[in-house]
Amino acid sequence: SFERDVVCEDESAFCLSLENIATLQKLLQQLEVKKSQNEAECEGLRAQ
C-alpha cells in the first residue's frame, strides 16, 4: 500500500512526515541495493 501511495496517488495527498520520508529513503535504498546487485550480477556475467 505504501508503494502504491507513492507511485500512484496524487503528490499533494501524500503525508510528508519524517517517518514517511525515512520510509521513502529506505525503500529507495532497498531498490538501489537490488539494482546494484543486478548490475553486479550482470557485469559478472558479462565478464564471464
All heavy atoms as atom14 arrays in JSON, in Angstrom:
{
  "sequence": "SFERDVVCEDESAFCLSLENIATLQKLLQQLEVKKSQNEAECEGLRAQ",
  "atom14_mask": [
    [1, 1, 1, 1, 1, 1, 0, 0, 0, 0, 0, 0, 0, 0],
    [1, 1, 1, 1, 1, 1, 1, 1, 1, 1, 1, 0, 0, 0],
    [1, 1, 1, 1, 1, 1, 1, 1, 1, 0, 0, 0, 0, 0],
    [1, 1, 1, 1, 1, 1, 1, 1, 1, 1, 1, 0, 0, 0],
    [1, 1, 1, 1, 1, 1, 1, 1, 0, 0, 0, 0, 0, 0],
    [1, 1, 1, 1, 1, 1, 1, 0, 0, 0, 0, 0, 0, 0],
    [1, 1, 1, 1, 1, 1, 1, 0, 0, 0, 0, 0, 0, 0],
    [1, 1, 1, 1, 1, 1, 0, 0, 0, 0, 0, 0, 0, 0],
    [1, 1, 1, 1, 1, 1, 1, 1, 1, 0, 0, 0, 0, 0],
    [1, 1, 1, 1, 1, 1, 1, 1, 0, 0, 0, 0, 0, 0],
    [1, 1, 1, 1, 1, 1, 1, 1, 1, 0, 0, 0, 0, 0],
    [1, 1, 1, 1, 1, 1, 0, 0, 0, 0, 0, 0, 0, 0],
    [1, 1, 1, 1, 1, 0, 0, 0, 0, 0, 0, 0, 0, 0],
    [1, 1, 1, 1, 1, 1, 1, 1, 1, 1, 1, 0, 0, 0],
    [1, 1, 1, 1, 1, 1, 0, 0, 0, 0, 0, 0, 0, 0],
    [1, 1, 1, 1, 1, 1, 1, 1, 0, 0, 0, 0, 0, 0],
    [1, 1, 1, 1, 1, 1, 0, 0, 0, 0, 0, 0, 0, 0],
    [1, 1, 1, 1, 1, 1, 1, 1, 0, 0, 0, 0, 0, 0],
    [1, 1, 1, 1, 1, 1, 1, 1, 1, 0, 0, 0, 0, 0],
    [1, 1, 1, 1, 1, 1, 1, 1, 0, 0, 0, 0, 0, 0],
    [1, 1, 1, 1, 1, 1, 1, 1, 0, 0, 0, 0, 0, 0],
    [1, 1, 1, 1, 1, 0, 0, 0, 0, 0, 0, 0, 0, 0],
    [1, 1, 1, 1, 1, 1, 1, 0, 0, 0, 0, 0, 0, 0],
    [1, 1, 1, 1, 1, 1, 1, 1, 0, 0, 0, 0, 0, 0],
    [1, 1, 1, 1, 1, 1, 1, 1, 1, 0, 0, 0, 0, 0],
    [1, 1, 1, 1, 1, 1, 1, 1, 1, 0, 0, 0, 0, 0],
    [1, 1, 1, 1, 1, 1, 1, 1, 0, 0, 0, 0, 0, 0],
    [1, 1, 1, 1, 1, 1, 1, 1, 0, 0, 0, 0, 0, 0],
    [1, 1, 1, 1, 1, 1, 1, 1, 1, 0, 0, 0, 0, 0],
    [1, 1, 1, 1, 1, 1, 1, 1, 1, 0, 0, 0, 0, 0],
    [1, 1, 1, 1, 1, 1, 1, 1, 0, 0, 0, 0, 0, 0],
    [1, 1, 1, 1, 1, 1, 1, 1, 1, 0, 0, 0, 0, 0],
    [1, 1, 1, 1, 1, 1, 1, 0, 0, 0, 0, 0, 0, 0],
    [1, 1, 1, 1, 1, 1, 1, 1, 1, 0, 0, 0, 0, 0],
    [1, 1, 1, 1, 1, 1, 1, 1, 1, 0, 0, 0, 0, 0],
    [1, 1, 1, 1, 1, 1, 0, 0, 0, 0, 0, 0, 0, 0],
    [1, 1, 1, 1, 1, 1, 1, 1, 1, 0, 0, 0, 0, 0],
    [1, 1, 1, 1, 1, 1, 1, 1, 0, 0, 0, 0, 0, 0],
    [1, 1, 1, 1, 1, 1, 1, 1, 1, 0, 0, 0, 0, 0],
    [1, 1, 1, 1, 1, 0, 0, 0, 0, 0, 0, 0, 0, 0],
    [1, 1, 1, 1, 1, 1, 1, 1, 1, 0, 0, 0, 0, 0],
    [1, 1, 1, 1, 1, 1, 0, 0, 0, 0, 0, 0, 0, 0],
    [1, 1, 1, 1, 1, 1, 1, 1, 1, 0, 0, 0, 0, 0],
    [1, 1, 1, 1, 0, 0, 0, 0, 0, 0, 0, 0, 0, 0],
    [1, 1, 1, 1, 1, 1, 1, 1, 0, 0, 0, 0, 0, 0],
    [1, 1, 1, 1, 1, 1, 1, 1, 1, 1, 1, 0, 0, 0],
    [1, 1, 1, 1, 1, 0, 0, 0, 0, 0, 0, 0, 0, 0],
    [1, 1, 1, 1, 1, 1, 1, 1, 1, 0, 0, 0, 0, 0]
  ],
  "atom14_positions": [
    [[0.83, -1.21, 0.0], [0.0, 0.0, 0.0], [0.86, 1.26, 0.0], [0.52, 2.25, -0.66], [-0.92, -0.01, 1.22], [-0.16, -0.05, 2.42], [0.0, 0.0, 0.0], [0.0, 0.0, 0.0], [0.0, 0.0, 0.0], [0.0, 0.0, 0.0], [0.0, 0.0, 0.0], [0.0, 0.0, 0.0], [0.0, 0.0, 0.0], [0.0, 0.0, 0.0]],
    [[1.96, 1.2, 0.7], [2.84, 2.37, 0.73], [3.44, 2.64, -0.64], [3.5, 3.79, -1.09], [3.96, 2.15, 1.77], [4.89, 3.31, 1.9], [4.53, 4.43, 2.63], [6.13, 3.3, 1.28], [5.38, 5.52, 2.75], [6.99, 4.38, 1.4], [6.61, 5.48, 2.14], [0.0, 0.0, 0.0], [0.0, 0.0, 0.0], [0.0, 0.0, 0.0]],
    [[3.91, 1.6, -1.32], [4.47, 1.78, -2.66], [3.42, 2.31, -3.62], [3.72, 3.15, -4.47], [5.04, 0.44, -3.16], [6.27, -0.02, -2.38], [6.79, -1.34, -2.9], [6.19, -1.88, -3.85], [7.78, -1.84, -2.34], [0.0, 0.0, 0.0], [0.0, 0.0, 0.0], [0.0, 0.0, 0.0], [0.0, 0.0, 0.0], [0.0, 0.0, 0.0]],
    [[2.2, 1.81, -3.5], [1.13, 2.31, -4.38], [0.8, 3.78, -4.06], [0.54, 4.57, -4.98], [-0.13, 1.44, -4.22], [-0.01, 0.08, -4.88], [-1.35, -0.63, -4.94], [-1.79, -1.03, -3.6], [-1.51, -2.19, -3.02], [-0.77, -3.09, -3.68], [-1.96, -2.48, -1.81], [0.0, 0.0, 0.0], [0.0, 0.0, 0.0], [0.0, 0.0, 0.0]],
    [[0.82, 4.13, -2.77], [0.6, 5.54, -2.41], [1.68, 6.43, -2.99], [1.4, 7.55, -3.43], [0.57, 5.69, -0.89], [-0.67, 5.05, -0.28], [-1.64, 4.82, -1.02], [-0.65, 4.77, 0.94], [0.0, 0.0, 0.0], [0.0, 0.0, 0.0], [0.0, 0.0, 0.0], [0.0, 0.0, 0.0], [0.0, 0.0, 0.0], [0.0, 0.0, 0.0]],
    [[2.89, 5.93, -3.01], [4.0, 6.74, -3.51], [3.92, 6.89, -5.02], [4.08, 7.99, -5.57], [5.35, 6.11, -3.1], [6.51, 6.82, -3.79], [5.52, 6.17, -1.59], [0.0, 0.0, 0.0], [0.0, 0.0, 0.0], [0.0, 0.0, 0.0], [0.0, 0.0, 0.0], [0.0, 0.0, 0.0], [0.0, 0.0, 0.0], [0.0, 0.0, 0.0]],
    [[3.69, 5.8, -5.71], [3.78, 5.8, -7.17], [2.48, 6.25, -7.83], [2.49, 7.03, -8.78], [4.17, 4.39, -7.66], [4.21, 4.35, -9.19], [5.53, 4.0, -7.09], [0.0, 0.0, 0.0], [0.0, 0.0, 0.0], [0.0, 0.0, 0.0], [0.0, 0.0, 0.0], [0.0, 0.0, 0.0], [0.0, 0.0, 0.0], [0.0, 0.0, 0.0]],
    [[1.35, 5.8, -7.3], [0.08, 6.0, -8.0], [-0.73, 7.18, -7.49], [-1.46, 7.81, -8.27], [-0.77, 4.73, -7.9], [0.1, 3.23, -8.47], [0.0, 0.0, 0.0], [0.0, 0.0, 0.0], [0.0, 0.0, 0.0], [0.0, 0.0, 0.0], [0.0, 0.0, 0.0], [0.0, 0.0, 0.0], [0.0, 0.0, 0.0], [0.0, 0.0, 0.0]],
    [[-0.68, 7.51, -6.21], [-1.53, 8.54, -5.67], [-1.02, 9.94, -6.03], [0.11, 10.11, -6.5], [-1.61, 8.4, -4.15], [-2.27, 7.1, -3.68], [-3.72, 7.01, -4.11], [-4.37, 8.08, -4.23], [-4.2, 5.89, -4.35], [0.0, 0.0, 0.0], [0.0, 0.0, 0.0], [0.0, 0.0, 0.0], [0.0, 0.0, 0.0], [0.0, 0.0, 0.0]],
    [[-1.93, 10.93, -5.76], [-1.58, 12.32, -6.04], [-0.5, 12.78, -5.07], [-0.5, 12.44, -3.87], [-2.83, 13.2, -5.88], [-2.55, 14.64, -6.29], [-1.51, 14.88, -6.92], [-3.37, 15.51, -5.94], [0.0, 0.0, 0.0], [0.0, 0.0, 0.0], [0.0, 0.0, 0.0], [0.0, 0.0, 0.0], [0.0, 0.0, 0.0], [0.0, 0.0, 0.0]],
    [[0.45, 13.56, -5.58], [1.56, 14.02, -4.74], [1.09, 14.9, -3.6], [1.65, 14.85, -2.5], [2.58, 14.78, -5.59], [3.28, 13.93, -6.63], [4.28, 14.72, -7.43], [4.36, 15.95, -7.21], [4.96, 14.14, -8.28], [0.0, 0.0, 0.0], [0.0, 0.0, 0.0], [0.0, 0.0, 0.0], [0.0, 0.0, 0.0], [0.0, 0.0, 0.0]],
    [[0.05, 15.71, -3.84], [-0.43, 16.62, -2.8], [-1.12, 15.88, -1.66], [-1.27, 16.42, -0.56], [-1.4, 17.65, -3.4], [-2.52, 17.0, -3.99], [0.0, 0.0, 0.0], [0.0, 0.0, 0.0], [0.0, 0.0, 0.0], [0.0, 0.0, 0.0], [0.0, 0.0, 0.0], [0.0, 0.0, 0.0], [0.0, 0.0, 0.0], [0.0, 0.0, 0.0]],
    [[-1.55, 14.64, -1.9], [-2.25, 13.89, -0.86], [-1.3, 13.07, 0.01], [-1.73, 12.47, 0.99], [-3.28, 12.95, -1.49], [0.0, 0.0, 0.0], [0.0, 0.0, 0.0], [0.0, 0.0, 0.0], [0.0, 0.0, 0.0], [0.0, 0.0, 0.0], [0.0, 0.0, 0.0], [0.0, 0.0, 0.0], [0.0, 0.0, 0.0], [0.0, 0.0, 0.0]],
    [[-0.03, 13.05, -0.35], [0.93, 12.25, 0.41], [1.32, 12.98, 1.69], [1.59, 14.19, 1.68], [2.16, 11.96, -0.44], [3.14, 11.02, 0.21], [2.91, 9.66, 0.19], [4.27, 11.5, 0.84], [3.81, 8.79, 0.78], [5.17, 10.65, 1.42], [4.94, 9.28, 1.39], [0.0, 0.0, 0.0], [0.0, 0.0, 0.0], [0.0, 0.0, 0.0]],
    [[1.34, 12.26, 2.79], [1.73, 12.84, 4.09], [3.24, 12.96, 4.14], [3.97, 11.96, 4.05], [1.22, 11.96, 5.23], [1.63, 12.6, 6.86], [0.0, 0.0, 0.0], [0.0, 0.0, 0.0], [0.0, 0.0, 0.0], [0.0, 0.0, 0.0], [0.0, 0.0, 0.0], [0.0, 0.0, 0.0], [0.0, 0.0, 0.0], [0.0, 0.0, 0.0]],
    [[3.7, 14.2, 4.29], [5.15, 14.47, 4.26], [5.74, 14.43, 5.66], [6.49, 15.31, 6.06], [5.4, 15.83, 3.61], [4.9, 16.0, 2.18], [5.1, 17.44, 1.72], [5.61, 15.04, 1.25], [0.0, 0.0, 0.0], [0.0, 0.0, 0.0], [0.0, 0.0, 0.0], [0.0, 0.0, 0.0], [0.0, 0.0, 0.0], [0.0, 0.0, 0.0]],
    [[5.46, 13.39, 6.38], [6.02, 13.26, 7.73], [7.45, 12.75, 7.65], [7.9, 12.2, 6.63], [5.18, 12.29, 8.56], [5.23, 10.99, 8.01], [0.0, 0.0, 0.0], [0.0, 0.0, 0.0], [0.0, 0.0, 0.0], [0.0, 0.0, 0.0], [0.0, 0.0, 0.0], [0.0, 0.0, 0.0], [0.0, 0.0, 0.0], [0.0, 0.0, 0.0]],
    [[8.18, 12.96, 8.73], [9.56, 12.48, 8.77], [9.62, 10.97, 8.65], [10.53, 10.41, 8.03], [10.23, 12.94, 10.08], [10.52, 14.44, 10.21], [11.07, 14.76, 11.58], [11.51, 14.89, 9.14], [0.0, 0.0, 0.0], [0.0, 0.0, 0.0], [0.0, 0.0, 0.0], [0.0, 0.0, 0.0], [0.0, 0.0, 0.0], [0.0, 0.0, 0.0]],
    [[8.64, 10.32, 9.25], [8.6, 8.87, 9.17], [8.38, 8.4, 7.74], [9.04, 7.46, 7.27], [7.47, 8.35, 10.06], [7.37, 6.83, 10.11], [6.25, 6.35, 11.01], [5.56, 7.23, 11.6], [6.06, 5.14, 11.12], [0.0, 0.0, 0.0], [0.0, 0.0, 0.0], [0.0, 0.0, 0.0], [0.0, 0.0, 0.0], [0.0, 0.0, 0.0]],
    [[7.47, 9.06, 7.01], [7.24, 8.69, 5.61], [8.46, 8.98, 4.74], [8.79, 8.2, 3.84], [6.02, 9.43, 5.08], [4.72, 8.84, 5.58], [4.72, 7.79, 6.22], [3.62, 9.51, 5.33], [0.0, 0.0, 0.0], [0.0, 0.0, 0.0], [0.0, 0.0, 0.0], [0.0, 0.0, 0.0], [0.0, 0.0, 0.0], [0.0, 0.0, 0.0]],
    [[9.1, 10.13, 5.0], [10.31, 10.45, 4.23], [11.39, 9.41, 4.5], [12.1, 8.95, 3.59], [10.81, 11.86, 4.58], [9.79, 12.93, 4.17], [12.15, 12.13, 3.91], [9.54, 13.02, 2.69], [0.0, 0.0, 0.0], [0.0, 0.0, 0.0], [0.0, 0.0, 0.0], [0.0, 0.0, 0.0], [0.0, 0.0, 0.0], [0.0, 0.0, 0.0]],
    [[11.54, 9.02, 5.78], [12.53, 8.0, 6.12], [12.18, 6.66, 5.45], [13.07, 5.95, 4.95], [12.61, 7.83, 7.63], [0.0, 0.0, 0.0], [0.0, 0.0, 0.0], [0.0, 0.0, 0.0], [0.0, 0.0, 0.0], [0.0, 0.0, 0.0], [0.0, 0.0, 0.0], [0.0, 0.0, 0.0], [0.0, 0.0, 0.0], [0.0, 0.0, 0.0]],
    [[10.89, 6.33, 5.44], [10.46, 5.09, 4.78], [10.71, 5.16, 3.28], [11.11, 4.15, 2.66], [8.97, 4.85, 5.05], [8.71, 4.91, 6.45], [8.53, 3.5, 4.51], [0.0, 0.0, 0.0], [0.0, 0.0, 0.0], [0.0, 0.0, 0.0], [0.0, 0.0, 0.0], [0.0, 0.0, 0.0], [0.0, 0.0, 0.0], [0.0, 0.0, 0.0]],
    [[10.49, 6.34, 2.7], [10.8, 6.53, 1.28], [12.27, 6.29, 1.01], [12.63, 5.58, 0.06], [10.42, 7.96, 0.86], [9.0, 8.21, 0.34], [8.83, 9.68, 0.03], [8.71, 7.37, -0.88], [0.0, 0.0, 0.0], [0.0, 0.0, 0.0], [0.0, 0.0, 0.0], [0.0, 0.0, 0.0], [0.0, 0.0, 0.0], [0.0, 0.0, 0.0]],
    [[13.13, 6.9, 1.81], [14.57, 6.72, 1.62], [14.98, 5.26, 1.79], [15.83, 4.74, 1.05], [15.33, 7.61, 2.6], [15.17, 9.1, 2.33], [15.84, 9.95, 3.39], [16.12, 9.49, 4.5], [16.07, 11.22, 3.08], [0.0, 0.0, 0.0], [0.0, 0.0, 0.0], [0.0, 0.0, 0.0], [0.0, 0.0, 0.0], [0.0, 0.0, 0.0]],
    [[14.36, 4.6, 2.76], [14.67, 3.18, 2.97], [14.24, 2.36, 1.76], [14.98, 1.45, 1.31], [13.96, 2.69, 4.24], [14.29, 1.27, 4.61], [13.62, 0.89, 5.91], [13.94, -0.57, 6.28], [13.28, -0.97, 7.55], [0.0, 0.0, 0.0], [0.0, 0.0, 0.0], [0.0, 0.0, 0.0], [0.0, 0.0, 0.0], [0.0, 0.0, 0.0]],
    [[13.04, 2.66, 1.23], [12.58, 1.96, 0.04], [13.51, 2.19, -1.14], [13.85, 1.25, -1.89], [11.16, 2.42, -0.3], [10.54, 1.87, -1.6], [10.45, 0.35, -1.55], [9.17, 2.49, -1.86], [0.0, 0.0, 0.0], [0.0, 0.0, 0.0], [0.0, 0.0, 0.0], [0.0, 0.0, 0.0], [0.0, 0.0, 0.0], [0.0, 0.0, 0.0]],
    [[13.94, 3.45, -1.3], [14.87, 3.77, -2.39], [16.18, 3.02, -2.21], [16.76, 2.49, -3.18], [15.11, 5.28, -2.45], [16.1, 5.76, -3.5], [15.64, 5.39, -4.9], [16.3, 7.28, -3.41], [0.0, 0.0, 0.0], [0.0, 0.0, 0.0], [0.0, 0.0, 0.0], [0.0, 0.0, 0.0], [0.0, 0.0, 0.0], [0.0, 0.0, 0.0]],
    [[16.69, 2.97, -0.98], [17.93, 2.25, -0.73], [17.79, 0.77, -1.05], [18.7, 0.15, -1.64], [18.36, 2.45, 0.72], [18.82, 3.85, 1.05], [19.12, 4.04, 2.53], [18.94, 3.12, 3.33], [19.55, 5.23, 2.91], [0.0, 0.0, 0.0], [0.0, 0.0, 0.0], [0.0, 0.0, 0.0], [0.0, 0.0, 0.0], [0.0, 0.0, 0.0]],
    [[16.66, 0.19, -0.67], [16.43, -1.23, -0.97], [16.41, -1.47, -2.48], [17.02, -2.42, -2.97], [15.12, -1.69, -0.34], [15.13, -1.72, 1.19], [13.77, -2.04, 1.77], [12.77, -2.09, 1.04], [13.72, -2.25, 3.08], [0.0, 0.0, 0.0], [0.0, 0.0, 0.0], [0.0, 0.0, 0.0], [0.0, 0.0, 0.0], [0.0, 0.0, 0.0]],
    [[15.72, -0.58, -3.2], [15.67, -0.73, -4.66], [17.04, -0.52, -5.29], [17.41, -1.23, -6.23], [14.66, 0.26, -5.24], [13.19, 0.03, -4.86], [12.32, 1.16, -5.38], [12.7, -1.31, -5.4], [0.0, 0.0, 0.0], [0.0, 0.0, 0.0], [0.0, 0.0, 0.0], [0.0, 0.0, 0.0], [0.0, 0.0, 0.0], [0.0, 0.0, 0.0]],
    [[17.8, 0.46, -4.76], [19.13, 0.71, -5.3], [20.07, -0.45, -5.01], [20.91, -0.81, -5.85], [19.69, 2.01, -4.72], [19.05, 3.27, -5.28], [19.62, 4.53, -4.67], [20.27, 4.41, -3.61], [19.43, 5.62, -5.25], [0.0, 0.0, 0.0], [0.0, 0.0, 0.0], [0.0, 0.0, 0.0], [0.0, 0.0, 0.0], [0.0, 0.0, 0.0]],
    [[19.93, -1.04, -3.81], [20.75, -2.22, -3.49], [20.42, -3.37, -4.43], [21.31, -4.04, -4.97], [20.53, -2.63, -2.01], [21.13, -4.0, -1.74], [21.15, -1.61, -1.07], [0.0, 0.0, 0.0], [0.0, 0.0, 0.0], [0.0, 0.0, 0.0], [0.0, 0.0, 0.0], [0.0, 0.0, 0.0], [0.0, 0.0, 0.0], [0.0, 0.0, 0.0]],
    [[19.11, -3.56, -4.65], [18.7, -4.62, -5.56], [19.18, -4.33, -6.98], [19.62, -5.25, -7.7], [17.18, -4.75, -5.52], [16.64, -6.0, -6.2], [15.12, -6.09, -6.05], [14.72, -6.24, -4.59], [13.24, -6.42, -4.46], [0.0, 0.0, 0.0], [0.0, 0.0, 0.0], [0.0, 0.0, 0.0], [0.0, 0.0, 0.0], [0.0, 0.0, 0.0]],
    [[19.11, -3.04, -7.35], [19.59, -2.66, -8.68], [21.09, -2.87, -8.8], [21.59, -3.37, -9.81], [19.23, -1.19, -8.95], [19.69, -0.68, -10.3], [19.34, 0.79, -10.46], [19.89, 1.34, -11.78], [19.59, 2.8, -11.91], [0.0, 0.0, 0.0], [0.0, 0.0, 0.0], [0.0, 0.0, 0.0], [0.0, 0.0, 0.0], [0.0, 0.0, 0.0]],
    [[21.82, -2.49, -7.73], [23.28, -2.69, -7.75], [23.62, -4.17, -7.8], [24.57, -4.57, -8.5], [23.9, -2.05, -6.5], [23.64, -0.67, -6.46], [0.0, 0.0, 0.0], [0.0, 0.0, 0.0], [0.0, 0.0, 0.0], [0.0, 0.0, 0.0], [0.0, 0.0, 0.0], [0.0, 0.0, 0.0], [0.0, 0.0, 0.0], [0.0, 0.0, 0.0]],
    [[22.86, -4.98, -7.07], [23.1, -6.42, -7.12], [22.86, -6.95, -8.53], [23.65, -7.77, -9.03], [22.2, -7.12, -6.11], [22.56, -6.84, -4.66], [21.56, -7.46, -3.69], [20.51, -7.96, -4.11], [21.88, -7.43, -2.4], [0.0, 0.0, 0.0], [0.0, 0.0, 0.0], [0.0, 0.0, 0.0], [0.0, 0.0, 0.0], [0.0, 0.0, 0.0]],
    [[21.78, -6.5, -9.15], [21.51, -6.92, -10.53], [22.61, -6.47, -11.48], [23.04, -7.22, -12.36], [20.16, -6.39, -10.99], [18.99, -7.1, -10.31], [19.18, -8.08, -9.61], [17.79, -6.59, -10.52], [0.0, 0.0, 0.0], [0.0, 0.0, 0.0], [0.0, 0.0, 0.0], [0.0, 0.0, 0.0], [0.0, 0.0, 0.0], [0.0, 0.0, 0.0]],
    [[23.04, -5.19, -11.3], [24.11, -4.68, -12.16], [25.39, -5.47, -11.95], [26.1, -5.8, -12.91], [24.33, -3.19, -11.87], [23.2, -2.3, -12.35], [23.42, -0.84, -11.97], [24.36, -0.59, -11.18], [22.66, 0.02, -12.45], [0.0, 0.0, 0.0], [0.0, 0.0, 0.0], [0.0, 0.0, 0.0], [0.0, 0.0, 0.0], [0.0, 0.0, 0.0]],
    [[25.71, -5.73, -10.66], [26.92, -6.5, -10.38], [26.81, -7.91, -10.95], [27.78, -8.46, -11.51], [27.16, -6.55, -8.87], [0.0, 0.0, 0.0], [0.0, 0.0, 0.0], [0.0, 0.0, 0.0], [0.0, 0.0, 0.0], [0.0, 0.0, 0.0], [0.0, 0.0, 0.0], [0.0, 0.0, 0.0], [0.0, 0.0, 0.0], [0.0, 0.0, 0.0]],
    [[25.62, -8.5, -10.81], [25.41, -9.85, -11.35], [25.53, -9.85, -12.86], [26.2, -10.71, -13.44], [24.04, -10.36, -10.91], [23.75, -11.78, -11.34], [22.39, -12.26, -10.86], [21.73, -11.51, -10.1], [21.98, -13.38, -11.25], [0.0, 0.0, 0.0], [0.0, 0.0, 0.0], [0.0, 0.0, 0.0], [0.0, 0.0, 0.0], [0.0, 0.0, 0.0]],
    [[24.92, -8.84, -13.49], [25.01, -8.74, -14.96], [26.44, -8.47, -15.4], [26.91, -9.04, -16.4], [24.07, -7.66, -15.47], [22.32, -8.07, -15.32], [0.0, 0.0, 0.0], [0.0, 0.0, 0.0], [0.0, 0.0, 0.0], [0.0, 0.0, 0.0], [0.0, 0.0, 0.0], [0.0, 0.0, 0.0], [0.0, 0.0, 0.0], [0.0, 0.0, 0.0]],
    [[27.12, -7.6, -14.67], [28.5, -7.3, -15.04], [29.39, -8.53, -14.85], [30.29, -8.79, -15.65], [29.03, -6.15, -14.18], [30.37, -5.6, -14.62], [30.34, -5.08, -16.04], [29.3, -4.56, -16.48], [31.39, -5.2, -16.73], [0.0, 0.0, 0.0], [0.0, 0.0, 0.0], [0.0, 0.0, 0.0], [0.0, 0.0, 0.0], [0.0, 0.0, 0.0]],
    [[29.11, -9.29, -13.78], [29.86, -10.53, -13.59], [29.6, -11.52, -14.71], [30.52, -12.2, -15.19], [0.0, 0.0, 0.0], [0.0, 0.0, 0.0], [0.0, 0.0, 0.0], [0.0, 0.0, 0.0], [0.0, 0.0, 0.0], [0.0, 0.0, 0.0], [0.0, 0.0, 0.0], [0.0, 0.0, 0.0], [0.0, 0.0, 0.0], [0.0, 0.0, 0.0]],
    [[28.34, -11.6, -15.14], [28.0, -12.48, -16.26], [28.69, -12.02, -17.54], [29.18, -12.84, -18.32], [26.49, -12.54, -16.45], [25.68, -13.24, -15.33], [24.2, -13.07, -15.56], [26.05, -14.72, -15.26], [0.0, 0.0, 0.0], [0.0, 0.0, 0.0], [0.0, 0.0, 0.0], [0.0, 0.0, 0.0], [0.0, 0.0, 0.0], [0.0, 0.0, 0.0]],
    [[28.71, -10.69, -17.75], [29.38, -10.18, -18.95], [30.87, -10.48, -18.91], [31.47, -10.85, -19.93], [29.14, -8.67, -19.07], [27.7, -8.29, -19.35], [27.57, -6.81, -19.63], [26.17, -6.39, -19.66], [25.53, -5.83, -18.65], [26.18, -5.57, -17.52], [24.26, -5.5, -18.74], [0.0, 0.0, 0.0], [0.0, 0.0, 0.0], [0.0, 0.0, 0.0]],
    [[31.49, -10.26, -17.73], [32.92, -10.57, -17.61], [33.17, -12.06, -17.85], [34.15, -12.45, -18.51], [33.42, -10.15, -16.23], [0.0, 0.0, 0.0], [0.0, 0.0, 0.0], [0.0, 0.0, 0.0], [0.0, 0.0, 0.0], [0.0, 0.0, 0.0], [0.0, 0.0, 0.0], [0.0, 0.0, 0.0], [0.0, 0.0, 0.0], [0.0, 0.0, 0.0]],
    [[32.27, -12.88, -17.33], [32.41, -14.32, -17.54], [32.25, -14.67, -19.02], [32.98, -15.52, -19.55], [31.36, -15.05, -16.69], [31.56, -16.54, -16.58], [30.58, -17.17, -15.62], [29.8, -16.47, -14.97], [30.59, -18.49, -15.52], [0.0, 0.0, 0.0], [0.0, 0.0, 0.0], [0.0, 0.0, 0.0], [0.0, 0.0, 0.0], [0.0, 0.0, 0.0]]
  ]
}
